[in-house]
Amino acid sequence: MNPQGPLTRDDHPSTNTTVAGGPPSDAFTRAPKLSAAPSWSLRYALAAPFVKLAAVLVYLVVATVALTITGAAPSREDKTGQLVLAAACTVAAGLATLWLVAVWRHKRVRPRLADFALVCSPRRPGAVIGWTLGTGAAVVLAMGVYARLVPARQDAAQAVHDAHGAQLAALVLLTVVLAPVNEEVLCRCVVYGGLRSWRGPWCAVPVSALVWALPHADWKLMPLLVAVGIALAVVREQTGSLAPTIALHSALNAAAVSVYSPLLTAALAGVMLTVCGLIALQPPRRRLPASSHQAGVTW
């Protein structure tokens, strides 16, 4: 495993190996589809969703009790407050759980970004951008067609519509920033990585999509959610980095809530896209081996 980051096609030794002035070897014809980030085992893929669910329940109970004692708990009529509380507890529990799982797995106090597949993509920048934008366009088209065929739930939409001030800012922050990071690390890093190391992408793509879709608990939209989950998993497989899937997930969520707070949504989405783009498209850092020129190998 390369400690300096995954190799691109141009960096791989089998791509540009020259022998006595001969033509470059074509043994490595394309970049690997999965990053060089540490892989997750099957046991973590199976355990992580249940650990997160238990953590969410604990967070909800503790938060509800604390807010009830202080008198700040949302009432039954306050659907927006209940939505903000549930979303905040879910995201907080998910991020805390994934952090602790990474600490346990790697026996390090501070896990690295590479532990969550937040590394530069081994694919060329054009391929990364093409896969992300192309998949995003296909998902938006599918969502538009599906919305005409199956009406969406009105309770959640009304709760978001009624939000204002701090509640609206919290919902946008959770939707555009925290939820995509939380869900992508769990489903497209831990679950997907564990299943891929066990049975390959043909098992990891649909199962991770189903694990991502089920907690949304909207059975009318379940076929669409599974399709979107498959699309995100395909981007993960083809780019070899989690950053493009987080960017795409954030952009899709931003499009859904932009009508309620366009300026804040655009600002947060822009920050997410910029950060994810810098992570996924940064050039790999690698020192040239001292013996590379002597051995006739071009890195």
C-alpha atoms as a PDB file:
ATOM      1  CA  MET A   1       0.000   0.000   0.000  1.00  0.00           C
ATOM      2  CA  ASN A   2       1.323   3.373  -0.990  1.00  0.00           C
ATOM      3  CA  PRO A   3       1.591   5.601   2.107  1.00  0.00           C
ATOM      4  CA  GLN A   4       1.723   8.714  -0.028  1.00  0.00           C
ATOM      5  CA  GLY A   5      -1.649   8.123  -1.684  1.00  0.00           C
ATOM      6  CA  PRO A   6      -3.017   6.028  -4.556  1.00  0.00           C
ATOM      7  CA  LEU A   7      -1.126   5.892  -7.828  1.00  0.00           C
ATOM      8  CA  THR A   8      -2.504   7.193 -11.076  1.00  0.00           C
ATOM      9  CA  ARG A   9      -2.034   5.426 -14.379  1.00  0.00           C
ATOM     10  CA  ASP A  10       0.993   7.569 -15.123  1.00  0.00           C
ATOM     11  CA  ASP A  11       2.523   6.819 -11.728  1.00  0.00           C
ATOM     12  CA  HIS A  12       2.137   3.042 -11.839  1.00  0.00           C
ATOM     13  CA  PRO A  13       5.419   1.238 -12.513  1.00  0.00           C
ATOM     14  CA  SER A  14       3.832  -1.293 -14.844  1.00  0.00           C
ATOM     15  CA  THR A  15       2.468   1.452 -17.078  1.00  0.00           C
ATOM     16  CA  ASN A  16       5.693   3.105 -18.199  1.00  0.00           C
ATOM     17  CA  THR A  17       8.262   0.384 -17.774  1.00  0.00           C
ATOM     18  CA  THR A  18      10.826   0.582 -20.516  1.00  0.00           C
ATOM     19  CA  VAL A  19      13.318  -2.089 -21.322  1.00  0.00           C
ATOM     20  CA  ALA A  20      16.477  -1.116 -23.214  1.00  0.00           C
ATOM     21  CA  GLY A  21      14.751   1.698 -25.090  1.00  0.00           C
ATOM     22  CA  GLY A  22      11.767  -0.443 -26.087  1.00  0.00           C
ATOM     23  CA  PRO A  23       8.144   0.705 -26.111  1.00  0.00           C
ATOM     24  CA  PRO A  24       6.302   1.161 -22.820  1.00  0.00           C
ATOM     25  CA  SER A  25       4.563  -1.891 -21.440  1.00  0.00           C
ATOM     26  CA  ASP A  26       0.783  -1.928 -21.825  1.00  0.00           C
ATOM     27  CA  ALA A  27       0.197  -4.401 -19.012  1.00  0.00           C
ATOM     28  CA  PHE A  28      -1.491  -1.723 -16.896  1.00  0.00           C
ATOM     29  CA  THR A  29      -4.000  -0.382 -19.386  1.00  0.00           C
ATOM     30  CA  ARG A  30      -6.270   1.500 -17.036  1.00  0.00           C
ATOM     31  CA  ALA A  31      -6.287   2.929 -13.519  1.00  0.00           C
ATOM     32  CA  PRO A  32      -7.518   0.750 -10.671  1.00  0.00           C
ATOM     33  CA  LYS A  33     -11.167   1.269  -9.820  1.00  0.00           C
ATOM     34  CA  LEU A  34     -10.741   1.266  -6.062  1.00  0.00           C
ATOM     35  CA  SER A  35      -8.463   3.571  -4.139  1.00  0.00           C
ATOM     36  CA  ALA A  36      -5.451   2.494  -2.151  1.00  0.00           C
ATOM     37  CA  ALA A  37      -7.208   3.480   1.070  1.00  0.00           C
ATOM     38  CA  PRO A  38      -7.262   0.783   3.757  1.00  0.00           C
ATOM     39  CA  SER A  39     -10.047  -1.699   3.043  1.00  0.00           C
ATOM     40  CA  TRP A  40     -12.742  -2.531   5.562  1.00  0.00           C
ATOM     41  CA  SER A  41     -13.456  -6.158   6.450  1.00  0.00           C
ATOM     42  CA  LEU A  42     -16.843  -7.874   6.278  1.00  0.00           C
ATOM     43  CA  ARG A  43     -17.363  -7.811  10.046  1.00  0.00           C
ATOM     44  CA  TYR A  44     -17.216  -4.027  10.082  1.00  0.00           C
ATOM     45  CA  ALA A  45     -19.592  -3.854   7.122  1.00  0.00           C
ATOM     46  CA  LEU A  46     -22.114  -5.997   9.009  1.00  0.00           C
ATOM     47  CA  ALA A  47     -21.671  -4.418  12.439  1.00  0.00           C
ATOM     48  CA  ALA A  48     -21.468  -0.703  11.573  1.00  0.00           C
ATOM     49  CA  PRO A  49     -25.172  -0.164  10.636  1.00  0.00           C
ATOM     50  CA  PHE A  50     -26.392  -1.848  13.848  1.00  0.00           C
ATOM     51  CA  VAL A  51     -23.910   0.043  16.008  1.00  0.00           C
ATOM     52  CA  LYS A  52     -25.046   3.284  14.398  1.00  0.00           C
ATOM     53  CA  LEU A  53     -28.724   2.404  14.960  1.00  0.00           C
ATOM     54  CA  ALA A  54     -28.078   1.733  18.640  1.00  0.00           C
ATOM     55  CA  ALA A  55     -26.165   5.001  18.938  1.00  0.00           C
ATOM     56  CA  VAL A  56     -29.025   6.920  17.276  1.00  0.00           C
ATOM     57  CA  LEU A  57     -31.541   5.502  19.752  1.00  0.00           C
ATOM     58  CA  VAL A  58     -29.300   6.410  22.692  1.00  0.00           C
ATOM     59  CA  TYR A  59     -28.792   9.938  21.323  1.00  0.00           C
ATOM     60  CA  LEU A  60     -32.543  10.405  20.824  1.00  0.00           C
ATOM     61  CA  VAL A  61     -33.394   9.238  24.331  1.00  0.00           C
ATOM     62  CA  VAL A  62     -30.695  11.367  25.970  1.00  0.00           C
ATOM     63  CA  ALA A  63     -31.543  14.444  23.879  1.00  0.00           C
ATOM     64  CA  THR A  64     -35.291  14.099  24.504  1.00  0.00           C
ATOM     65  CA  VAL A  65     -34.809  13.710  28.268  1.00  0.00           C
ATOM     66  CA  ALA A  66     -32.400  16.636  28.423  1.00  0.00           C
ATOM     67  CA  LEU A  67     -34.668  18.911  26.378  1.00  0.00           C
ATOM     68  CA  THR A  68     -37.723  17.870  28.408  1.00  0.00           C
ATOM     69  CA  ILE A  69     -35.987  18.707  31.682  1.00  0.00           C
ATOM     70  CA  THR A  70     -34.902  22.097  30.367  1.00  0.00           C
ATOM     71  CA  GLY A  71     -38.306  22.764  28.789  1.00  0.00           C
ATOM     72  CA  ALA A  72     -36.902  23.085  25.270  1.00  0.00           C
ATOM     73  CA  ALA A  73     -38.319  19.871  23.806  1.00  0.00           C
ATOM     74  CA  PRO A  74     -40.445  20.380  20.669  1.00  0.00           C
ATOM     75  CA  SER A  75     -44.168  19.813  21.081  1.00  0.00           C
ATOM     76  CA  ARG A  76     -46.193  17.247  19.150  1.00  0.00           C
ATOM     77  CA  GLU A  77     -47.487  20.007  16.904  1.00  0.00           C
ATOM     78  CA  ASP A  78     -43.992  21.273  16.166  1.00  0.00           C
ATOM     79  CA  LYS A  79     -43.154  18.915  13.300  1.00  0.00           C
ATOM     80  CA  THR A  80     -40.199  21.056  12.236  1.00  0.00           C
ATOM     81  CA  GLY A  81     -38.622  20.916  15.686  1.00  0.00           C
ATOM     82  CA  GLN A  82     -39.068  17.156  15.823  1.00  0.00           C
ATOM     83  CA  LEU A  83     -37.482  16.817  12.385  1.00  0.00           C
ATOM     84  CA  VAL A  84     -34.491  18.945  13.397  1.00  0.00           C
ATOM     85  CA  LEU A  85     -34.032  16.956  16.618  1.00  0.00           C
ATOM     86  CA  ALA A  86     -34.232  13.575  14.865  1.00  0.00           C
ATOM     87  CA  ALA A  87     -31.897  14.639  12.070  1.00  0.00           C
ATOM     88  CA  ALA A  88     -29.368  16.153  14.465  1.00  0.00           C
ATOM     89  CA  CYS A  89     -29.302  13.050  16.676  1.00  0.00           C
ATOM     90  CA  THR A  90     -29.004  10.745  13.660  1.00  0.00           C
ATOM     91  CA  VAL A  91     -26.101  12.643  12.133  1.00  0.00           C
ATOM     92  CA  ALA A  92     -24.300  13.166  15.445  1.00  0.00           C
ATOM     93  CA  ALA A  93     -24.644   9.498  16.368  1.00  0.00           C
ATOM     94  CA  GLY A  94     -23.499   8.388  12.927  1.00  0.00           C
ATOM     95  CA  LEU A  95     -20.402  10.567  12.853  1.00  0.00           C
ATOM     96  CA  ALA A  96     -19.429   9.648  16.416  1.00  0.00           C
ATOM     97  CA  THR A  97     -19.946   5.944  15.722  1.00  0.00           C
ATOM     98  CA  LEU A  98     -17.885   5.945  12.553  1.00  0.00           C
ATOM     99  CA  TRP A  99     -15.087   7.851  14.260  1.00  0.00           C
ATOM    100  CA  LEU A 100     -14.968   5.388  17.154  1.00  0.00           C
ATOM    101  CA  VAL A 101     -15.107   2.399  14.768  1.00  0.00           C
ATOM    102  CA  ALA A 102     -12.150   3.800  12.855  1.00  0.00           C
ATOM    103  CA  VAL A 103     -10.252   4.372  16.099  1.00  0.00           C
ATOM    104  CA  TRP A 104     -10.959   0.790  17.182  1.00  0.00           C
ATOM    105  CA  ARG A 105     -10.004  -0.675  13.814  1.00  0.00           C
ATOM    106  CA  HIS A 106      -6.745   1.157  13.300  1.00  0.00           C
ATOM    107  CA  LYS A 107      -5.781   1.498  16.979  1.00  0.00           C
ATOM    108  CA  ARG A 108      -5.064   5.178  16.440  1.00  0.00           C
ATOM    109  CA  VAL A 109      -6.335   8.114  18.441  1.00  0.00           C
ATOM    110  CA  ARG A 110      -6.808  10.199  15.308  1.00  0.00           C
ATOM    111  CA  PRO A 111      -7.881   8.295  12.174  1.00  0.00           C
ATOM    112  CA  ARG A 112      -6.666   9.620   8.848  1.00  0.00           C
ATOM    113  CA  LEU A 113      -8.802  10.780   5.938  1.00  0.00           C
ATOM    114  CA  ALA A 114      -7.559   7.752   4.016  1.00  0.00           C
ATOM    115  CA  ASP A 115      -9.284   5.495   6.552  1.00  0.00           C
ATOM    116  CA  PHE A 116     -12.577   6.881   5.219  1.00  0.00           C
ATOM    117  CA  ALA A 117     -11.521   6.637   1.541  1.00  0.00           C
ATOM    118  CA  LEU A 118     -11.151  10.426   1.370  1.00  0.00           C
ATOM    119  CA  VAL A 119      -8.169  10.219  -0.929  1.00  0.00           C
ATOM    120  CA  CYS A 120      -7.291  11.479  -4.382  1.00  0.00           C
ATOM    121  CA  SER A 121      -8.829   9.395  -7.132  1.00  0.00           C
ATOM    122  CA  PRO A 122      -6.538   7.044  -9.079  1.00  0.00           C
ATOM    123  CA  ARG A 123      -8.466   7.971 -12.213  1.00  0.00           C
ATOM    124  CA  ARG A 124      -7.645  10.947 -14.411  1.00  0.00           C
ATOM    125  CA  PRO A 125      -9.427  14.207 -13.451  1.00  0.00           C
ATOM    126  CA  GLY A 126     -11.509  14.167 -16.624  1.00  0.00           C
ATOM    127  CA  ALA A 127     -12.793  10.676 -15.845  1.00  0.00           C
ATOM    128  CA  VAL A 128     -13.651  11.626 -12.253  1.00  0.00           C
ATOM    129  CA  ILE A 129     -15.542  14.742 -13.332  1.00  0.00           C
ATOM    130  CA  GLY A 130     -17.244  12.877 -16.168  1.00  0.00           C
ATOM    131  CA  TRP A 131     -18.468  10.025 -13.975  1.00  0.00           C
ATOM    132  CA  THR A 132     -19.689  12.433 -11.283  1.00  0.00           C
ATOM    133  CA  LEU A 133     -21.488  14.851 -13.598  1.00  0.00           C
ATOM    134  CA  GLY A 134     -22.862  12.138 -15.868  1.00  0.00           C
ATOM    135  CA  THR A 135     -24.244  10.137 -12.966  1.00  0.00           C
ATOM    136  CA  GLY A 136     -25.655  13.275 -11.382  1.00  0.00           C
ATOM    137  CA  ALA A 137     -27.485  14.215 -14.594  1.00  0.00           C
ATOM    138  CA  ALA A 138     -28.942  10.699 -14.879  1.00  0.00           C
ATOM    139  CA  VAL A 139     -30.096  10.780 -11.241  1.00  0.00           C
ATOM    140  CA  VAL A 140     -31.744  14.197 -11.632  1.00  0.00           C
ATOM    141  CA  LEU A 141     -33.567  12.976 -14.741  1.00  0.00           C
ATOM    142  CA  ALA A 142     -34.738   9.834 -12.940  1.00  0.00           C
ATOM    143  CA  MET A 143     -35.902  11.881  -9.946  1.00  0.00           C
ATOM    144  CA  GLY A 144     -37.887  14.192 -12.207  1.00  0.00           C
ATOM    145  CA  VAL A 145     -39.634  11.315 -13.963  1.00  0.00           C
ATOM    146  CA  TYR A 146     -40.328   9.493 -10.704  1.00  0.00           C
ATOM    147  CA  ALA A 147     -41.751  12.631  -9.077  1.00  0.00           C
ATOM    148  CA  ARG A 148     -44.386  12.817 -11.809  1.00  0.00           C
ATOM    149  CA  LEU A 149     -45.332   9.182 -11.334  1.00  0.00           C
ATOM    150  CA  VAL A 150     -45.243   8.892  -7.527  1.00  0.00           C
ATOM    151  CA  PRO A 151     -46.212  11.857  -5.300  1.00  0.00           C
ATOM    152  CA  ALA A 152     -43.792  12.622  -2.476  1.00  0.00           C
ATOM    153  CA  ARG A 153     -44.659  12.631   1.224  1.00  0.00           C
ATOM    154  CA  GLN A 154     -46.251  15.902   2.282  1.00  0.00           C
ATOM    155  CA  ASP A 155     -45.485  15.795   6.011  1.00  0.00           C
ATOM    156  CA  ALA A 156     -41.706  16.071   5.675  1.00  0.00           C
ATOM    157  CA  ALA A 157     -42.004  18.645   2.888  1.00  0.00           C
ATOM    158  CA  GLN A 158     -44.406  20.717   5.012  1.00  0.00           C
ATOM    159  CA  ALA A 159     -42.061  20.521   8.002  1.00  0.00           C
ATOM    160  CA  VAL A 160     -39.203  21.879   5.915  1.00  0.00           C
ATOM    161  CA  HIS A 161     -41.492  24.532   4.428  1.00  0.00           C
ATOM    162  CA  ASP A 162     -42.502  25.710   7.900  1.00  0.00           C
ATOM    163  CA  ALA A 163     -38.908  25.990   9.113  1.00  0.00           C
ATOM    164  CA  HIS A 164     -37.464  29.452   9.593  1.00  0.00           C
ATOM    165  CA  GLY A 165     -34.521  31.136  11.237  1.00  0.00           C
ATOM    166  CA  ALA A 166     -32.262  28.854  13.229  1.00  0.00           C
ATOM    167  CA  GLN A 167     -34.361  25.764  12.434  1.00  0.00           C
ATOM    168  CA  LEU A 168     -34.020  26.336   8.688  1.00  0.00           C
ATOM    169  CA  ALA A 169     -30.270  26.955   8.966  1.00  0.00           C
ATOM    170  CA  ALA A 170     -29.879  23.763  10.994  1.00  0.00           C
ATOM    171  CA  LEU A 171     -31.867  21.733   8.452  1.00  0.00           C
ATOM    172  CA  VAL A 172     -29.850  23.065   5.526  1.00  0.00           C
ATOM    173  CA  LEU A 173     -26.566  22.404   7.340  1.00  0.00           C
ATOM    174  CA  LEU A 174     -27.648  18.863   8.198  1.00  0.00           C
ATOM    175  CA  THR A 175     -28.976  18.171   4.699  1.00  0.00           C
ATOM    176  CA  VAL A 176     -26.162  19.624   2.622  1.00  0.00           C
ATOM    177  CA  VAL A 177     -23.077  18.982   4.760  1.00  0.00           C
ATOM    178  CA  LEU A 178     -23.411  16.570   7.664  1.00  0.00           C
ATOM    179  CA  ALA A 179     -25.870  14.005   6.299  1.00  0.00           C
ATOM    180  CA  PRO A 180     -23.945  13.335   3.046  1.00  0.00           C
ATOM    181  CA  VAL A 181     -20.681  12.847   4.949  1.00  0.00           C
ATOM    182  CA  ASN A 182     -22.350  10.612   7.526  1.00  0.00           C
ATOM    183  CA  GLU A 183     -24.244   8.427   5.051  1.00  0.00           C
ATOM    184  CA  GLU A 184     -21.474   8.125   2.480  1.00  0.00           C
ATOM    185  CA  VAL A 185     -18.836   7.111   5.013  1.00  0.00           C
ATOM    186  CA  LEU A 186     -21.151   4.474   6.463  1.00  0.00           C
ATOM    187  CA  CYS A 187     -22.635   3.071   3.238  1.00  0.00           C
ATOM    188  CA  ARG A 188     -20.060   3.745   0.529  1.00  0.00           C
ATOM    189  CA  CYS A 189     -16.954   3.350   2.698  1.00  0.00           C
ATOM    190  CA  VAL A 190     -17.507   0.855   5.527  1.00  0.00           C
ATOM    191  CA  VAL A 191     -20.401  -1.250   4.175  1.00  0.00           C
ATOM    192  CA  TYR A 192     -19.369  -1.043   0.534  1.00  0.00           C
ATOM    193  CA  GLY A 193     -15.692  -1.619   1.296  1.00  0.00           C
ATOM    194  CA  GLY A 194     -16.372  -4.648   3.477  1.00  0.00           C
ATOM    195  CA  LEU A 195     -18.742  -6.262   0.983  1.00  0.00           C
ATOM    196  CA  ARG A 196     -16.400  -5.517  -1.913  1.00  0.00           C
ATOM    197  CA  SER A 197     -13.469  -7.193  -0.181  1.00  0.00           C
ATOM    198  CA  TRP A 198     -15.737 -10.191   0.471  1.00  0.00           C
ATOM    199  CA  ARG A 199     -17.610 -10.732  -2.809  1.00  0.00           C
ATOM    200  CA  GLY A 200     -16.570  -7.926  -5.148  1.00  0.00           C
ATOM    201  CA  PRO A 201     -18.482  -4.931  -6.570  1.00  0.00           C
ATOM    202  CA  TRP A 202     -21.405  -6.986  -7.910  1.00  0.00           C
ATOM    203  CA  CYS A 203     -22.391  -7.710  -4.314  1.00  0.00           C
ATOM    204  CA  ALA A 204     -21.234  -4.439  -2.764  1.00  0.00           C
ATOM    205  CA  VAL A 205     -23.083  -2.072  -5.117  1.00  0.00           C
ATOM    206  CA  PRO A 206     -26.704  -3.288  -4.653  1.00  0.00           C
ATOM    207  CA  VAL A 207     -26.406  -4.272  -0.982  1.00  0.00           C
ATOM    208  CA  SER A 208     -24.827  -0.961   0.071  1.00  0.00           C
ATOM    209  CA  ALA A 209     -27.553   0.847  -1.901  1.00  0.00           C
ATOM    210  CA  LEU A 210     -30.230  -1.085  -0.017  1.00  0.00           C
ATOM    211  CA  VAL A 211     -28.569  -0.377   3.351  1.00  0.00           C
ATOM    212  CA  TRP A 212     -28.569   3.318   2.446  1.00  0.00           C
ATOM    213  CA  ALA A 213     -32.189   3.381   1.231  1.00  0.00           C
ATOM    214  CA  LEU A 214     -33.902   1.472   4.047  1.00  0.00           C
ATOM    215  CA  PRO A 215     -33.370   4.026   6.887  1.00  0.00           C
ATOM    216  CA  HIS A 216     -35.163   6.695   4.834  1.00  0.00           C
ATOM    217  CA  ALA A 217     -38.405   4.774   5.630  1.00  0.00           C
ATOM    218  CA  ASP A 218     -40.324   6.083   2.615  1.00  0.00           C
ATOM    219  CA  TRP A 219     -41.675   3.000   0.851  1.00  0.00           C
ATOM    220  CA  LYS A 220     -43.185   4.981  -2.009  1.00  0.00           C
ATOM    221  CA  LEU A 221     -39.754   6.311  -2.896  1.00  0.00           C
ATOM    222  CA  MET A 222     -37.863   3.092  -2.129  1.00  0.00           C
ATOM    223  CA  PRO A 223     -37.246   2.100  -5.809  1.00  0.00           C
ATOM    224  CA  LEU A 224     -35.876   5.577  -6.526  1.00  0.00           C
ATOM    225  CA  LEU A 225     -33.732   5.576  -3.382  1.00  0.00           C
ATOM    226  CA  VAL A 226     -32.238   2.188  -4.252  1.00  0.00           C
ATOM    227  CA  ALA A 227     -31.497   3.425  -7.776  1.00  0.00           C
ATOM    228  CA  VAL A 228     -29.792   6.556  -6.423  1.00  0.00           C
ATOM    229  CA  GLY A 229     -27.809   4.399  -3.978  1.00  0.00           C
ATOM    230  CA  ILE A 230     -26.653   2.183  -6.851  1.00  0.00           C
ATOM    231  CA  ALA A 231     -25.621   5.263  -8.837  1.00  0.00           C
ATOM    232  CA  LEU A 232     -23.586   6.607  -5.915  1.00  0.00           C
ATOM    233  CA  ALA A 233     -21.934   3.211  -5.418  1.00  0.00           C
ATOM    234  CA  VAL A 234     -21.024   3.097  -9.127  1.00  0.00           C
ATOM    235  CA  VAL A 235     -19.351   6.501  -8.807  1.00  0.00           C
ATOM    236  CA  ARG A 236     -17.458   5.181  -5.776  1.00  0.00           C
ATOM    237  CA  GLU A 237     -16.326   2.140  -7.752  1.00  0.00           C
ATOM    238  CA  GLN A 238     -15.332   4.013 -10.888  1.00  0.00           C
ATOM    239  CA  THR A 239     -13.522   6.922  -9.219  1.00  0.00           C
ATOM    240  CA  GLY A 240     -11.889   5.005  -6.353  1.00  0.00           C
ATOM    241  CA  SER A 241     -12.560   7.822  -3.897  1.00  0.00           C
ATOM    242  CA  LEU A 242     -15.380   8.737  -1.544  1.00  0.00           C
ATOM    243  CA  ALA A 243     -15.047  12.466  -2.214  1.00  0.00           C
ATOM    244  CA  PRO A 244     -16.988  12.438  -5.545  1.00  0.00           C
ATOM    245  CA  THR A 245     -19.898  10.560  -3.976  1.00  0.00           C
ATOM    246  CA  ILE A 246     -20.056  13.022  -1.077  1.00  0.00           C
ATOM    247  CA  ALA A 247     -20.013  15.926  -3.539  1.00  0.00           C
ATOM    248  CA  LEU A 248     -22.776  14.369  -5.655  1.00  0.00           C
ATOM    249  CA  HIS A 249     -24.880  13.494  -2.600  1.00  0.00           C
ATOM    250  CA  SER A 250     -24.473  17.017  -1.245  1.00  0.00           C
ATOM    251  CA  ALA A 251     -25.438  18.561  -4.579  1.00  0.00           C
ATOM    252  CA  LEU A 252     -28.581  16.419  -4.861  1.00  0.00           C
ATOM    253  CA  ASN A 253     -29.654  17.324  -1.321  1.00  0.00           C
ATOM    254  CA  ALA A 254     -28.891  20.984  -1.973  1.00  0.00           C
ATOM    255  CA  ALA A 255     -31.144  20.952  -5.040  1.00  0.00           C
ATOM    256  CA  ALA A 256     -33.985  19.596  -2.897  1.00  0.00           C
ATOM    257  CA  VAL A 257     -33.803  22.317  -0.215  1.00  0.00           C
ATOM    258  CA  SER A 258     -32.523  25.254  -2.285  1.00  0.00           C
ATOM    259  CA  VAL A 259     -36.028  26.699  -2.714  1.00  0.00           C
ATOM    260  CA  TYR A 260     -36.278  27.293   1.051  1.00  0.00           C
ATOM    261  CA  SER A 261     -32.917  29.003   1.581  1.00  0.00           C
ATOM    262  CA  PRO A 262     -31.113  29.543  -1.729  1.00  0.00           C
ATOM    263  CA  LEU A 263     -28.199  31.662  -0.484  1.00  0.00           C
ATOM    264  CA  LEU A 264     -27.237  29.456   2.469  1.00  0.00           C
ATOM    265  CA  THR A 265     -27.727  26.285   0.430  1.00  0.00           C
ATOM    266  CA  ALA A 266     -25.604  27.589  -2.446  1.00  0.00           C
ATOM    267  CA  ALA A 267     -22.853  28.675  -0.050  1.00  0.00           C
ATOM    268  CA  LEU A 268     -22.704  25.332   1.779  1.00  0.00           C
ATOM    269  CA  ALA A 269     -22.949  23.326  -1.441  1.00  0.00           C
ATOM    270  CA  GLY A 270     -20.142  25.389  -2.948  1.00  0.00           C
ATOM    271  CA  VAL A 271     -17.921  24.710   0.041  1.00  0.00           C
ATOM    272  CA  MET A 272     -18.680  20.976  -0.119  1.00  0.00           C
ATOM    273  CA  LEU A 273     -17.997  20.740  -3.843  1.00  0.00           C
ATOM    274  CA  THR A 274     -14.752  22.687  -3.466  1.00  0.00           C
ATOM    275  CA  VAL A 275     -13.449  20.570  -0.594  1.00  0.00           C
ATOM    276  CA  CYS A 276     -14.430  17.287  -2.235  1.00  0.00           C
ATOM    277  CA  GLY A 277     -12.931  18.397  -5.532  1.00  0.00           C
ATOM    278  CA  LEU A 278      -9.633  19.295  -3.874  1.00  0.00           C
ATOM    279  CA  ILE A 279      -9.530  15.883  -2.180  1.00  0.00           C
ATOM    280  CA  ALA A 280     -10.469  13.805  -5.224  1.00  0.00           C
ATOM    281  CA  LEU A 281      -8.484  15.695  -7.869  1.00  0.00           C
ATOM    282  CA  GLN A 282      -5.308  16.575  -5.995  1.00  0.00           C
ATOM    283  CA  PRO A 283      -2.167  15.277  -7.715  1.00  0.00           C
ATOM    284  CA  PRO A 284      -0.648  12.272  -5.950  1.00  0.00           C
ATOM    285  CA  ARG A 285       2.538  12.917  -4.060  1.00  0.00           C
ATOM    286  CA  ARG A 286       5.270  10.421  -4.659  1.00  0.00           C
ATOM    287  CA  ARG A 287       9.026  10.630  -4.516  1.00  0.00           C
ATOM    288  CA  LEU A 288      11.030   9.056  -7.264  1.00  0.00           C
ATOM    289  CA  PRO A 289      12.933   5.985  -6.064  1.00  0.00           C
ATOM    290  CA  ALA A 290      16.675   6.512  -6.104  1.00  0.00           C
ATOM    291  CA  SER A 291      17.187   3.395  -8.236  1.00  0.00           C
ATOM    292  CA  SER A 292      14.433   4.137 -10.752  1.00  0.00           C
ATOM    293  CA  HIS A 293      16.674   5.818 -13.304  1.00  0.00           C
ATOM    294  CA  GLN A 294      19.350   3.192 -12.913  1.00  0.00           C
ATOM    295  CA  ALA A 295      16.842   0.404 -13.475  1.00  0.00           C
ATOM    296  CA  GLY A 296      15.448   2.085 -16.576  1.00  0.00           C
ATOM    297  CA  VAL A 297      12.005   2.574 -15.004  1.00  0.00           C
ATOM    298  CA  THR A 298      10.062   5.789 -15.571  1.00  0.00           C
ATOM    299  CA  TRP A 299       7.660   6.640 -12.749  1.00  0.00           C
END
